[in-house]
């Protein structure tokens, strides 16, 4: 699939993430953390995306499954070989590390292959 077509398809994923996870105010994010819930940050570029989770690995894996289901509803599949859940310190991309250096105990869901 071309990056342009992927951009059109993944606009729905953008809207899903924004409406469900990206709009809480600082107070709501803090409250979620106190209650043992995690917060997410979502970055997409062309046909790839990264989801940062400031929670446990289990919470990051649950988000991976949720995204797999959302993408399936759009007729897309999440590539298992290109999708990893890893600690932020294990990401080899120095640019990503610099951007999120202040995030502690963060897990990462990476790249969608179409």
PDB file of N, CA and C in Angstrom:
ATOM      1  N   UNK A   1       0.846  -1.171   0.000  1.00  0.00           N
ATOM      2  CA  UNK A   1       0.000   0.000   0.000  1.00  0.00           C
ATOM      3  C   UNK A   1       0.896   1.240   0.000  1.00  0.00           C
ATOM      4  N   UNK A   2       0.529   2.216  -0.759  1.00  0.00           N
ATOM      5  CA  UNK A   2       1.333   3.435  -0.847  1.00  0.00           C
ATOM      6  C   UNK A   2       1.197   4.254   0.440  1.00  0.00           C
ATOM      7  N   UNK A   3       2.199   5.073   0.748  1.00  0.00           N
ATOM      8  CA  UNK A   3       2.094   5.929   1.933  1.00  0.00           C
ATOM      9  C   UNK A   3       0.877   6.857   1.891  1.00  0.00           C
ATOM     10  N   UNK A   4       0.497   7.316   0.704  1.00  0.00           N
ATOM     11  CA  UNK A   4      -0.678   8.186   0.597  1.00  0.00           C
ATOM     12  C   UNK A   4      -1.951   7.432   0.977  1.00  0.00           C
ATOM     13  N   UNK A   5      -2.115   6.219   0.445  1.00  0.00           N
ATOM     14  CA  UNK A   5      -3.296   5.413   0.788  1.00  0.00           C
ATOM     15  C   UNK A   5      -3.286   5.066   2.278  1.00  0.00           C
ATOM     16  N   UNK A   6      -2.107   4.732   2.801  1.00  0.00           N
ATOM     17  CA  UNK A   6      -2.005   4.418   4.227  1.00  0.00           C
ATOM     18  C   UNK A   6      -2.384   5.626   5.071  1.00  0.00           C
ATOM     19  N   UNK A   7      -1.984   6.800   4.633  1.00  0.00           N
ATOM     20  CA  UNK A   7      -2.319   8.022   5.358  1.00  0.00           C
ATOM     21  C   UNK A   7      -3.830   8.212   5.431  1.00  0.00           C
ATOM     22  N   UNK A   8      -4.517   7.919   4.363  1.00  0.00           N
ATOM     23  CA  UNK A   8      -5.972   8.045   4.326  1.00  0.00           C
ATOM     24  C   UNK A   8      -6.621   7.016   5.259  1.00  0.00           C
ATOM     25  N   UNK A   9      -6.170   5.761   5.157  1.00  0.00           N
ATOM     26  CA  UNK A   9      -6.705   4.710   6.024  1.00  0.00           C
ATOM     27  C   UNK A   9      -6.438   5.013   7.496  1.00  0.00           C
ATOM     28  N   UNK A  10      -5.204   5.389   7.788  1.00  0.00           N
ATOM     29  CA  UNK A  10      -4.811   5.543   9.181  1.00  0.00           C
ATOM     30  C   UNK A  10      -5.348   6.809   9.833  1.00  0.00           C
ATOM     31  N   UNK A  11      -5.977   7.656   9.064  1.00  0.00           N
ATOM     32  CA  UNK A  11      -6.645   8.812   9.660  1.00  0.00           C
ATOM     33  C   UNK A  11      -7.699   8.337  10.672  1.00  0.00           C
ATOM     34  N   UNK A  12      -8.329   7.211  10.370  1.00  0.00           N
ATOM     35  CA  UNK A  12      -9.314   6.639  11.303  1.00  0.00           C
ATOM     36  C   UNK A  12      -8.642   6.202  12.602  1.00  0.00           C
ATOM     37  N   UNK A  13      -7.443   5.643  12.493  1.00  0.00           N
ATOM     38  CA  UNK A  13      -6.701   5.265  13.699  1.00  0.00           C
ATOM     39  C   UNK A  13      -6.338   6.517  14.492  1.00  0.00           C
ATOM     40  N   UNK A  14      -5.929   7.570  13.805  1.00  0.00           N
ATOM     41  CA  UNK A  14      -5.633   8.841  14.478  1.00  0.00           C
ATOM     42  C   UNK A  14      -6.842   9.303  15.291  1.00  0.00           C
ATOM     43  N   UNK A  15      -8.001   9.277  14.669  1.00  0.00           N
ATOM     44  CA  UNK A  15      -9.226   9.725  15.340  1.00  0.00           C
ATOM     45  C   UNK A  15      -9.555   8.822  16.531  1.00  0.00           C
ATOM     46  N   UNK A  16      -9.362   7.517  16.376  1.00  0.00           N
ATOM     47  CA  UNK A  16      -9.625   6.578  17.466  1.00  0.00           C
ATOM     48  C   UNK A  16      -8.728   6.882  18.669  1.00  0.00           C
ATOM     49  N   UNK A  17      -7.446   7.036  18.408  1.00  0.00           N
ATOM     50  CA  UNK A  17      -6.507   7.298  19.504  1.00  0.00           C
ATOM     51  C   UNK A  17      -6.807   8.647  20.164  1.00  0.00           C
ATOM     52  N   UNK A  18      -7.102   9.641  19.358  1.00  0.00           N
ATOM     53  CA  UNK A  18      -7.387  10.964  19.909  1.00  0.00           C
ATOM     54  C   UNK A  18      -8.635  10.947  20.790  1.00  0.00           C
ATOM     55  N   UNK A  19      -9.678  10.303  20.326  1.00  0.00           N
ATOM     56  CA  UNK A  19     -10.927  10.313  21.092  1.00  0.00           C
ATOM     57  C   UNK A  19     -10.874   9.433  22.336  1.00  0.00           C
ATOM     58  N   UNK A  20     -10.041   8.403  22.321  1.00  0.00           N
ATOM     59  CA  UNK A  20     -10.003   7.473  23.454  1.00  0.00           C
ATOM     60  C   UNK A  20      -8.844   7.677  24.426  1.00  0.00           C
ATOM     61  N   UNK A  21      -7.727   8.213  23.950  1.00  0.00           N
ATOM     62  CA  UNK A  21      -6.537   8.235  24.810  1.00  0.00           C
ATOM     63  C   UNK A  21      -5.757   9.543  24.846  1.00  0.00           C
ATOM     64  N   UNK A  22      -5.923  10.408  23.894  1.00  0.00           N
ATOM     65  CA  UNK A  22      -5.012  11.537  23.800  1.00  0.00           C
ATOM     66  C   UNK A  22      -5.561  12.862  24.292  1.00  0.00           C
ATOM     67  N   UNK A  23      -6.804  12.909  24.678  1.00  0.00           N
ATOM     68  CA  UNK A  23      -7.384  14.193  25.045  1.00  0.00           C
ATOM     69  C   UNK A  23      -7.442  14.504  26.544  1.00  0.00           C
ATOM     70  N   UNK A  24      -7.074  13.598  27.450  1.00  0.00           N
ATOM     71  CA  UNK A  24      -7.192  13.944  28.869  1.00  0.00           C
ATOM     72  C   UNK A  24      -6.299  15.133  29.252  1.00  0.00           C
ATOM     73  N   UNK A  25      -6.807  15.948  30.157  1.00  0.00           N
ATOM     74  CA  UNK A  25      -6.022  17.058  30.692  1.00  0.00           C
ATOM     75  C   UNK A  25      -5.031  16.513  31.708  1.00  0.00           C
ATOM     76  N   UNK A  26      -4.095  17.335  32.138  1.00  0.00           N
ATOM     77  CA  UNK A  26      -3.054  16.908  33.074  1.00  0.00           C
ATOM     78  C   UNK A  26      -3.671  16.292  34.337  1.00  0.00           C
ATOM     79  N   UNK A  27      -4.730  16.908  34.841  1.00  0.00           N
ATOM     80  CA  UNK A  27      -5.395  16.376  36.030  1.00  0.00           C
ATOM     81  C   UNK A  27      -5.879  14.947  35.782  1.00  0.00           C
ATOM     82  N   UNK A  28      -6.511  14.714  34.625  1.00  0.00           N
ATOM     83  CA  UNK A  28      -7.034  13.388  34.312  1.00  0.00           C
ATOM     84  C   UNK A  28      -5.905  12.371  34.140  1.00  0.00           C
ATOM     85  N   UNK A  29      -4.811  12.783  33.516  1.00  0.00           N
ATOM     86  CA  UNK A  29      -3.666  11.872  33.349  1.00  0.00           C
ATOM     87  C   UNK A  29      -3.089  11.496  34.714  1.00  0.00           C
ATOM     88  N   UNK A  30      -2.960  12.481  35.585  1.00  0.00           N
ATOM     89  CA  UNK A  30      -2.433  12.226  36.927  1.00  0.00           C
ATOM     90  C   UNK A  30      -3.358  11.292  37.697  1.00  0.00           C
ATOM     91  N   UNK A  31      -4.645  11.518  37.595  1.00  0.00           N
ATOM     92  CA  UNK A  31      -5.630  10.668  38.279  1.00  0.00           C
ATOM     93  C   UNK A  31      -5.545   9.233  37.757  1.00  0.00           C
ATOM     94  N   UNK A  32      -5.414   9.072  36.448  1.00  0.00           N
ATOM     95  CA  UNK A  32      -5.291   7.734  35.863  1.00  0.00           C
ATOM     96  C   UNK A  32      -4.070   7.009  36.432  1.00  0.00           C
ATOM     97  N   UNK A  33      -2.946   7.714  36.547  1.00  0.00           N
ATOM     98  CA  UNK A  33      -1.729   7.088  37.075  1.00  0.00           C
ATOM     99  C   UNK A  33      -1.917   6.683  38.534  1.00  0.00           C
ATOM    100  N   UNK A  34      -2.572   7.524  39.333  1.00  0.00           N
ATOM    101  CA  UNK A  34      -2.819   7.193  40.741  1.00  0.00           C
ATOM    102  C   UNK A  34      -3.683   5.950  40.875  1.00  0.00           C
ATOM    103  N   UNK A  35      -4.572   5.744  39.904  1.00  0.00           N
ATOM    104  CA  UNK A  35      -5.479   4.590  39.931  1.00  0.00           C
ATOM    105  C   UNK A  35      -4.861   3.364  39.261  1.00  0.00           C
ATOM    106  N   UNK A  36      -3.572   3.430  38.919  1.00  0.00           N
ATOM    107  CA  UNK A  36      -2.887   2.286  38.327  1.00  0.00           C
ATOM    108  C   UNK A  36      -3.104   2.136  36.837  1.00  0.00           C
ATOM    109  N   UNK A  37      -3.709   3.140  36.229  1.00  0.00           N
ATOM    110  CA  UNK A  37      -3.923   3.103  34.783  1.00  0.00           C
ATOM    111  C   UNK A  37      -2.776   3.837  34.104  1.00  0.00           C
ATOM    112  N   UNK A  38      -2.575   3.570  32.840  1.00  0.00           N
ATOM    113  CA  UNK A  38      -1.479   4.227  32.126  1.00  0.00           C
ATOM    114  C   UNK A  38      -2.023   5.284  31.169  1.00  0.00           C
ATOM    115  N   UNK A  39      -1.124   6.111  30.688  1.00  0.00           N
ATOM    116  CA  UNK A  39      -1.444   7.109  29.680  1.00  0.00           C
ATOM    117  C   UNK A  39      -0.644   6.777  28.427  1.00  0.00           C
ATOM    118  N   UNK A  40      -1.140   7.241  27.300  1.00  0.00           N
ATOM    119  CA  UNK A  40      -0.499   6.931  26.026  1.00  0.00           C
ATOM    120  C   UNK A  40      -0.165   8.196  25.258  1.00  0.00           C
ATOM    121  N   UNK A  41       0.871   8.108  24.479  1.00  0.00           N
ATOM    122  CA  UNK A  41       1.218   9.151  23.518  1.00  0.00           C
ATOM    123  C   UNK A  41       1.369   8.450  22.172  1.00  0.00           C
ATOM    124  N   UNK A  42       0.779   9.014  21.152  1.00  0.00           N
ATOM    125  CA  UNK A  42       0.701   8.385  19.830  1.00  0.00           C
ATOM    126  C   UNK A  42       1.346   9.298  18.801  1.00  0.00           C
ATOM    127  N   UNK A  43       2.248   8.729  18.007  1.00  0.00           N
ATOM    128  CA  UNK A  43       2.911   9.473  16.938  1.00  0.00           C
ATOM    129  C   UNK A  43       2.784   8.653  15.664  1.00  0.00           C
ATOM    130  N   UNK A  44       2.325   9.297  14.604  1.00  0.00           N
ATOM    131  CA  UNK A  44       2.222   8.591  13.316  1.00  0.00           C
ATOM    132  C   UNK A  44       2.929   9.394  12.247  1.00  0.00           C
ATOM    133  N   UNK A  45       3.590   8.666  11.358  1.00  0.00           N
ATOM    134  CA  UNK A  45       4.233   9.265  10.203  1.00  0.00           C
ATOM    135  C   UNK A  45       4.049   8.318   9.036  1.00  0.00           C
ATOM    136  N   UNK A  46       3.384   8.810   7.999  1.00  0.00           N
ATOM    137  CA  UNK A  46       3.032   8.012   6.804  1.00  0.00           C
ATOM    138  C   UNK A  46       2.327   6.734   7.218  1.00  0.00           C
ATOM    139  N   UNK A  47       2.954   5.579   6.956  1.00  0.00           N
ATOM    140  CA  UNK A  47       2.289   4.309   7.253  1.00  0.00           C
ATOM    141  C   UNK A  47       2.843   3.636   8.510  1.00  0.00           C
ATOM    142  N   UNK A  48       3.555   4.381   9.346  1.00  0.00           N
ATOM    143  CA  UNK A  48       4.103   3.853  10.596  1.00  0.00           C
ATOM    144  C   UNK A  48       3.537   4.647  11.765  1.00  0.00           C
ATOM    145  N   UNK A  49       3.537   4.013  12.926  1.00  0.00           N
ATOM    146  CA  UNK A  49       3.146   4.736  14.134  1.00  0.00           C
ATOM    147  C   UNK A  49       3.860   4.157  15.328  1.00  0.00           C
ATOM    148  N   UNK A  50       3.958   4.958  16.361  1.00  0.00           N
ATOM    149  CA  UNK A  50       4.543   4.544  17.630  1.00  0.00           C
ATOM    150  C   UNK A  50       3.571   4.965  18.722  1.00  0.00           C
ATOM    151  N   UNK A  51       3.344   4.068  19.666  1.00  0.00           N
ATOM    152  CA  UNK A  51       2.515   4.382  20.827  1.00  0.00           C
ATOM    153  C   UNK A  51       3.399   4.229  22.053  1.00  0.00           C
ATOM    154  N   UNK A  52       3.514   5.305  22.829  1.00  0.00           N
ATOM    155  CA  UNK A  52       4.272   5.263  24.062  1.00  0.00           C
ATOM    156  C   UNK A  52       3.295   5.092  25.217  1.00  0.00           C
ATOM    157  N   UNK A  53       3.664   4.217  26.149  1.00  0.00           N
ATOM    158  CA  UNK A  53       2.808   3.888  27.287  1.00  0.00           C
ATOM    159  C   UNK A  53       3.615   4.090  28.552  1.00  0.00           C
ATOM    160  N   UNK A  54       3.150   4.936  29.472  1.00  0.00           N
ATOM    161  CA  UNK A  54       3.884   5.111  30.723  1.00  0.00           C
ATOM    162  C   UNK A  54       3.284   4.218  31.803  1.00  0.00           C
ATOM    163  N   UNK A  55       3.183   2.960  31.473  1.00  0.00           N
ATOM    164  CA  UNK A  55       2.644   1.977  32.400  1.00  0.00           C
ATOM    165  C   UNK A  55       3.481   0.716  32.374  1.00  0.00           C
ATOM    166  N   UNK A  56       2.832  -0.393  32.584  1.00  0.00           N
ATOM    167  CA  UNK A  56       3.517  -1.682  32.632  1.00  0.00           C
ATOM    168  C   UNK A  56       3.588  -2.304  31.235  1.00  0.00           C
ATOM    169  N   UNK A  57       4.400  -3.320  31.125  1.00  0.00           N
ATOM    170  CA  UNK A  57       4.491  -4.033  29.855  1.00  0.00           C
ATOM    171  C   UNK A  57       3.156  -4.704  29.534  1.00  0.00           C
ATOM    172  N   UNK A  58       2.472  -5.197  30.538  1.00  0.00           N
ATOM    173  CA  UNK A  58       1.156  -5.817  30.323  1.00  0.00           C
ATOM    174  C   UNK A  58       0.167  -4.800  29.746  1.00  0.00           C
ATOM    175  N   UNK A  59       0.219  -3.553  30.219  1.00  0.00           N
ATOM    176  CA  UNK A  59      -0.670  -2.513  29.684  1.00  0.00           C
ATOM    177  C   UNK A  59      -0.312  -2.181  28.238  1.00  0.00           C
ATOM    178  N   UNK A  60       0.982  -2.182  27.928  1.00  0.00           N
ATOM    179  CA  UNK A  60       1.415  -1.937  26.552  1.00  0.00           C
ATOM    180  C   UNK A  60       0.959  -3.074  25.639  1.00  0.00           C
ATOM    181  N   UNK A  61       1.051  -4.310  26.114  1.00  0.00           N
ATOM    182  CA  UNK A  61       0.596  -5.459  25.321  1.00  0.00           C
ATOM    183  C   UNK A  61      -0.912  -5.417  25.110  1.00  0.00           C
ATOM    184  N   UNK A  62      -1.648  -4.959  26.114  1.00  0.00           N
ATOM    185  CA  UNK A  62      -3.100  -4.822  25.968  1.00  0.00           C
ATOM    186  C   UNK A  62      -3.429  -3.782  24.900  1.00  0.00           C
ATOM    187  N   UNK A  63      -2.666  -2.690  24.850  1.00  0.00           N
ATOM    188  CA  UNK A  63      -2.877  -1.677  23.812  1.00  0.00           C
ATOM    189  C   UNK A  63      -2.562  -2.258  22.435  1.00  0.00           C
ATOM    190  N   UNK A  64      -1.529  -3.068  22.353  1.00  0.00           N
ATOM    191  CA  UNK A  64      -1.189  -3.711  21.074  1.00  0.00           C
ATOM    192  C   UNK A  64      -2.365  -4.534  20.575  1.00  0.00           C
ATOM    193  N   UNK A  65      -2.975  -5.307  21.442  1.00  0.00           N
ATOM    194  CA  UNK A  65      -4.130  -6.124  21.057  1.00  0.00           C
ATOM    195  C   UNK A  65      -5.312  -5.250  20.664  1.00  0.00           C
ATOM    196  N   UNK A  66      -5.518  -4.176  21.408  1.00  0.00           N
ATOM    197  CA  UNK A  66      -6.610  -3.253  21.085  1.00  0.00           C
ATOM    198  C   UNK A  66      -6.407  -2.651  19.691  1.00  0.00           C
ATOM    199  N   UNK A  67      -5.178  -2.216  19.411  1.00  0.00           N
ATOM    200  CA  UNK A  67      -4.892  -1.633  18.099  1.00  0.00           C
ATOM    201  C   UNK A  67      -5.034  -2.665  16.986  1.00  0.00           C
ATOM    202  N   UNK A  68      -4.660  -3.892  17.280  1.00  0.00           N
ATOM    203  CA  UNK A  68      -4.817  -4.969  16.295  1.00  0.00           C
ATOM    204  C   UNK A  68      -6.287  -5.118  15.910  1.00  0.00           C
ATOM    205  N   UNK A  69      -7.171  -5.037  16.908  1.00  0.00           N
ATOM    206  CA  UNK A  69      -8.613  -5.151  16.651  1.00  0.00           C
ATOM    207  C   UNK A  69      -9.151  -3.945  15.896  1.00  0.00           C
ATOM    208  N   UNK A  70      -8.695  -2.750  16.264  1.00  0.00           N
ATOM    209  CA  UNK A  70      -9.143  -1.535  15.574  1.00  0.00           C
ATOM    210  C   UNK A  70      -8.722  -1.594  14.104  1.00  0.00           C
ATOM    211  N   UNK A  71      -7.489  -1.983  13.854  1.00  0.00           N
ATOM    212  CA  UNK A  71      -7.000  -2.072  12.475  1.00  0.00           C
ATOM    213  C   UNK A  71      -7.740  -3.151  11.688  1.00  0.00           C
ATOM    214  N   UNK A  72      -8.068  -4.255  12.347  1.00  0.00           N
ATOM    215  CA  UNK A  72      -8.805  -5.329  11.675  1.00  0.00           C
ATOM    216  C   UNK A  72     -10.176  -4.840  11.211  1.00  0.00           C
ATOM    217  N   UNK A  73     -10.802  -3.979  11.994  1.00  0.00           N
ATOM    218  CA  UNK A  73     -12.101  -3.408  11.601  1.00  0.00           C
ATOM    219  C   UNK A  73     -11.976  -2.534  10.357  1.00  0.00           C
ATOM    220  N   UNK A  74     -10.758  -2.024  10.117  1.00  0.00           N
ATOM    221  CA  UNK A  74     -10.512  -1.202   8.928  1.00  0.00           C
ATOM    222  C   UNK A  74      -9.989  -2.044   7.763  1.00  0.00           C
ATOM    223  N   UNK A  75      -9.871  -3.357   7.983  1.00  0.00           N
ATOM    224  CA  UNK A  75      -9.355  -4.242   6.939  1.00  0.00           C
ATOM    225  C   UNK A  75      -7.836  -4.262   6.857  1.00  0.00           C
ATOM    226  N   UNK A  76      -7.160  -3.831   7.926  1.00  0.00           N
ATOM    227  CA  UNK A  76      -5.704  -3.799   7.961  1.00  0.00           C
ATOM    228  C   UNK A  76      -5.194  -4.786   8.998  1.00  0.00           C
ATOM    229  N   UNK A  77      -3.949  -5.187   8.863  1.00  0.00           N
ATOM    230  CA  UNK A  77      -3.346  -6.091   9.836  1.00  0.00           C
ATOM    231  C   UNK A  77      -2.084  -5.464  10.407  1.00  0.00           C
ATOM    232  N   UNK A  78      -1.818  -5.767  11.660  1.00  0.00           N
ATOM    233  CA  UNK A  78      -0.621  -5.316  12.336  1.00  0.00           C
ATOM    234  C   UNK A  78       0.451  -6.377  12.096  1.00  0.00           C
ATOM    235  N   UNK A  79       1.550  -6.010  11.506  1.00  0.00           N
ATOM    236  CA  UNK A  79       2.626  -6.956  11.217  1.00  0.00           C
ATOM    237  C   UNK A  79       3.313  -7.377  12.512  1.00  0.00           C
ATOM    238  N   UNK A  80       3.222  -8.658  12.850  1.00  0.00           N
ATOM    239  CA  UNK A  80       3.846  -9.163  14.074  1.00  0.00           C
ATOM    240  C   UNK A  80       5.367  -9.064  14.002  1.00  0.00           C
ATOM    241  N   UNK A  81       5.928  -9.273  12.820  1.00  0.00           N
ATOM    242  CA  UNK A  81       7.390  -9.232  12.712  1.00  0.00           C
ATOM    243  C   UNK A  81       7.946  -7.812  12.818  1.00  0.00           C
ATOM    244  N   UNK A  82       7.138  -6.802  12.523  1.00  0.00           N
ATOM    245  CA  UNK A  82       7.597  -5.423  12.601  1.00  0.00           C
ATOM    246  C   UNK A  82       7.059  -4.692  13.827  1.00  0.00           C
ATOM    247  N   UNK A  83       6.268  -5.369  14.637  1.00  0.00           N
ATOM    248  CA  UNK A  83       5.662  -4.744  15.808  1.00  0.00           C
ATOM    249  C   UNK A  83       6.320  -5.297  17.055  1.00  0.00           C
ATOM    250  N   UNK A  84       6.850  -4.403  17.876  1.00  0.00           N
ATOM    251  CA  UNK A  84       7.535  -4.821  19.093  1.00  0.00           C
ATOM    252  C   UNK A  84       7.027  -4.029  20.275  1.00  0.00           C
ATOM    253  N   UNK A  85       7.028  -4.673  21.410  1.00  0.00           N
ATOM    254  CA  UNK A  85       6.784  -3.990  22.672  1.00  0.00           C
ATOM    255  C   UNK A  85       8.097  -4.083  23.427  1.00  0.00           C
ATOM    256  N   UNK A  86       8.679  -2.935  23.688  1.00  0.00           N
ATOM    257  CA  UNK A  86       9.987  -2.915  24.332  1.00  0.00           C
ATOM    258  C   UNK A  86      10.109  -1.711  25.246  1.00  0.00           C
ATOM    259  N   UNK A  87      11.046  -1.763  26.156  1.00  0.00           N
ATOM    260  CA  UNK A  87      11.285  -0.626  27.030  1.00  0.00           C
ATOM    261  C   UNK A  87      11.917   0.492  26.219  1.00  0.00           C
ATOM    262  N   UNK A  88      11.623   1.716  26.571  1.00  0.00           N
ATOM    263  CA  UNK A  88      12.081   2.874  25.808  1.00  0.00           C
ATOM    264  C   UNK A  88      13.601   2.915  25.683  1.00  0.00           C
ATOM    265  N   UNK A  89      14.313   2.412  26.661  1.00  0.00           N
ATOM    266  CA  UNK A  89      15.772   2.449  26.595  1.00  0.00           C
ATOM    267  C   UNK A  89      16.335   1.475  25.567  1.00  0.00           C
ATOM    268  N   UNK A  90      15.506   0.576  25.065  1.00  0.00           N
ATOM    269  CA  UNK A  90      15.956  -0.410  24.081  1.00  0.00           C
ATOM    270  C   UNK A  90      15.706   0.031  22.647  1.00  0.00           C
ATOM    271  N   UNK A  91      15.109   1.192  22.449  1.00  0.00           N
ATOM    272  CA  UNK A  91      14.824   1.663  21.100  1.00  0.00           C
ATOM    273  C   UNK A  91      16.108   2.222  20.510  1.00  0.00           C
ATOM    274  N   UNK A  92      16.538   1.721  19.370  1.00  0.00           N
ATOM    275  CA  UNK A  92      17.826   2.142  18.820  1.00  0.00           C
ATOM    276  C   UNK A  92      17.833   3.514  18.169  1.00  0.00           C
ATOM    277  N   UNK A  93      16.696   4.100  17.939  1.00  0.00           N
ATOM    278  CA  UNK A  93      16.630   5.382  17.244  1.00  0.00           C
ATOM    279  C   UNK A  93      16.942   6.514  18.202  1.00  0.00           C
ATOM    280  N   UNK A  94      18.091   7.139  18.044  1.00  0.00           N
ATOM    281  CA  UNK A  94      18.524   8.190  18.945  1.00  0.00           C
ATOM    282  C   UNK A  94      17.554   9.360  18.965  1.00  0.00           C
ATOM    283  N   UNK A  95      16.918   9.657  17.846  1.00  0.00           N
ATOM    284  CA  UNK A  95      15.961  10.770  17.798  1.00  0.00           C
ATOM    285  C   UNK A  95      14.795  10.500  18.733  1.00  0.00           C
ATOM    286  N   UNK A  96      14.274   9.276  18.714  1.00  0.00           N
ATOM    287  CA  UNK A  96      13.155   8.935  19.593  1.00  0.00           C
ATOM    288  C   UNK A  96      13.593   9.044  21.041  1.00  0.00           C
ATOM    289  N   UNK A  97      14.793   8.573  21.358  1.00  0.00           N
ATOM    290  CA  UNK A  97      15.281   8.651  22.729  1.00  0.00           C
ATOM    291  C   UNK A  97      15.359  10.089  23.210  1.00  0.00           C
ATOM    292  N   UNK A  98      15.846  10.968  22.376  1.00  0.00           N
ATOM    293  CA  UNK A  98      15.966  12.362  22.762  1.00  0.00           C
ATOM    294  C   UNK A  98      14.586  12.960  23.001  1.00  0.00           C
ATOM    295  N   UNK A  99      13.627  12.645  22.154  1.00  0.00           N
ATOM    296  CA  UNK A  99      12.284  13.220  22.282  1.00  0.00           C
ATOM    297  C   UNK A  99      11.576  12.769  23.541  1.00  0.00           C
ATOM    298  N   UNK A 100      11.861  11.574  24.019  1.00  0.00           N
ATOM    299  CA  UNK A 100      11.117  11.049  25.159  1.00  0.00           C
ATOM    300  C   UNK A 100      12.032  10.727  26.341  1.00  0.00           C
ATOM    301  N   UNK A 101      13.148  11.395  26.420  1.00  0.00           N
ATOM    302  CA  UNK A 101      14.109  11.108  27.481  1.00  0.00           C
ATOM    303  C   UNK A 101      13.514  11.297  28.874  1.00  0.00           C
ATOM    304  N   UNK A 102      12.541  12.169  29.004  1.00  0.00           N
ATOM    305  CA  UNK A 102      11.961  12.447  30.310  1.00  0.00           C
ATOM    306  C   UNK A 102      10.898  11.436  30.722  1.00  0.00           C
ATOM    307  N   UNK A 103      10.472  10.601  29.807  1.00  0.00           N
ATOM    308  CA  UNK A 103       9.438   9.620  30.132  1.00  0.00           C
ATOM    309  C   UNK A 103      10.091   8.419  30.808  1.00  0.00           C
ATOM    310  N   UNK A 104       9.616   8.094  31.988  1.00  0.00           N
ATOM    311  CA  UNK A 104      10.194   7.005  32.761  1.00  0.00           C
ATOM    312  C   UNK A 104       9.288   5.779  32.665  1.00  0.00           C
ATOM    313  N   UNK A 105       9.889   4.610  32.595  1.00  0.00           N
ATOM    314  CA  UNK A 105       9.169   3.340  32.562  1.00  0.00           C
ATOM    315  C   UNK A 105       8.136   3.335  31.442  1.00  0.00           C
ATOM    316  N   UNK A 106       8.590   3.586  30.240  1.00  0.00           N
ATOM    317  CA  UNK A 106       7.711   3.680  29.085  1.00  0.00           C
ATOM    318  C   UNK A 106       7.940   2.482  28.180  1.00  0.00           C
ATOM    319  N   UNK A 107       6.876   1.960  27.636  1.00  0.00           N
ATOM    320  CA  UNK A 107       6.964   0.889  26.661  1.00  0.00           C
ATOM    321  C   UNK A 107       6.515   1.420  25.326  1.00  0.00           C
ATOM    322  N   UNK A 108       6.893   0.742  24.265  1.00  0.00           N
ATOM    323  CA  UNK A 108       6.746   1.277  22.921  1.00  0.00           C
ATOM    324  C   UNK A 108       6.117   0.216  22.021  1.00  0.00           C
ATOM    325  N   UNK A 109       5.078   0.575  21.309  1.00  0.00           N
ATOM    326  CA  UNK A 109       4.490  -0.275  20.275  1.00  0.00           C
ATOM    327  C   UNK A 109       4.878   0.360  18.957  1.00  0.00           C
ATOM    328  N   UNK A 110       5.466  -0.399  18.088  1.00  0.00           N
ATOM    329  CA  UNK A 110       5.999   0.250  16.886  1.00  0.00           C
ATOM    330  C   UNK A 110       5.473  -0.378  15.615  1.00  0.00           C
ATOM    331  N   UNK A 111       5.535   0.250  14.632  1.00  0.00           N
ATOM    332  CA  UNK A 111       5.326   0.182  13.201  1.00  0.00           C
ATOM    333  C   UNK A 111       4.274  -0.782  12.686  1.00  0.00           C
ATOM    334  N   UNK A 112       3.497  -0.226  11.863  1.00  0.00           N
ATOM    335  CA  UNK A 112       2.454  -0.932  11.145  1.00  0.00           C
ATOM    336  C   UNK A 112       2.949  -1.170   9.739  1.00  0.00           C
ATOM    337  N   UNK A 113       2.926  -2.388   9.291  1.00  0.00           N
ATOM    338  CA  UNK A 113       3.332  -2.676   7.913  1.00  0.00           C
ATOM    339  C   UNK A 113       2.080  -3.011   7.111  1.00  0.00           C
ATOM    340  N   UNK A 114       1.886  -2.319   6.032  1.00  0.00           N
ATOM    341  CA  UNK A 114       0.708  -2.547   5.202  1.00  0.00           C
ATOM    342  C   UNK A 114       1.109  -3.235   3.919  1.00  0.00           C
TER     343      UNK A 114
END
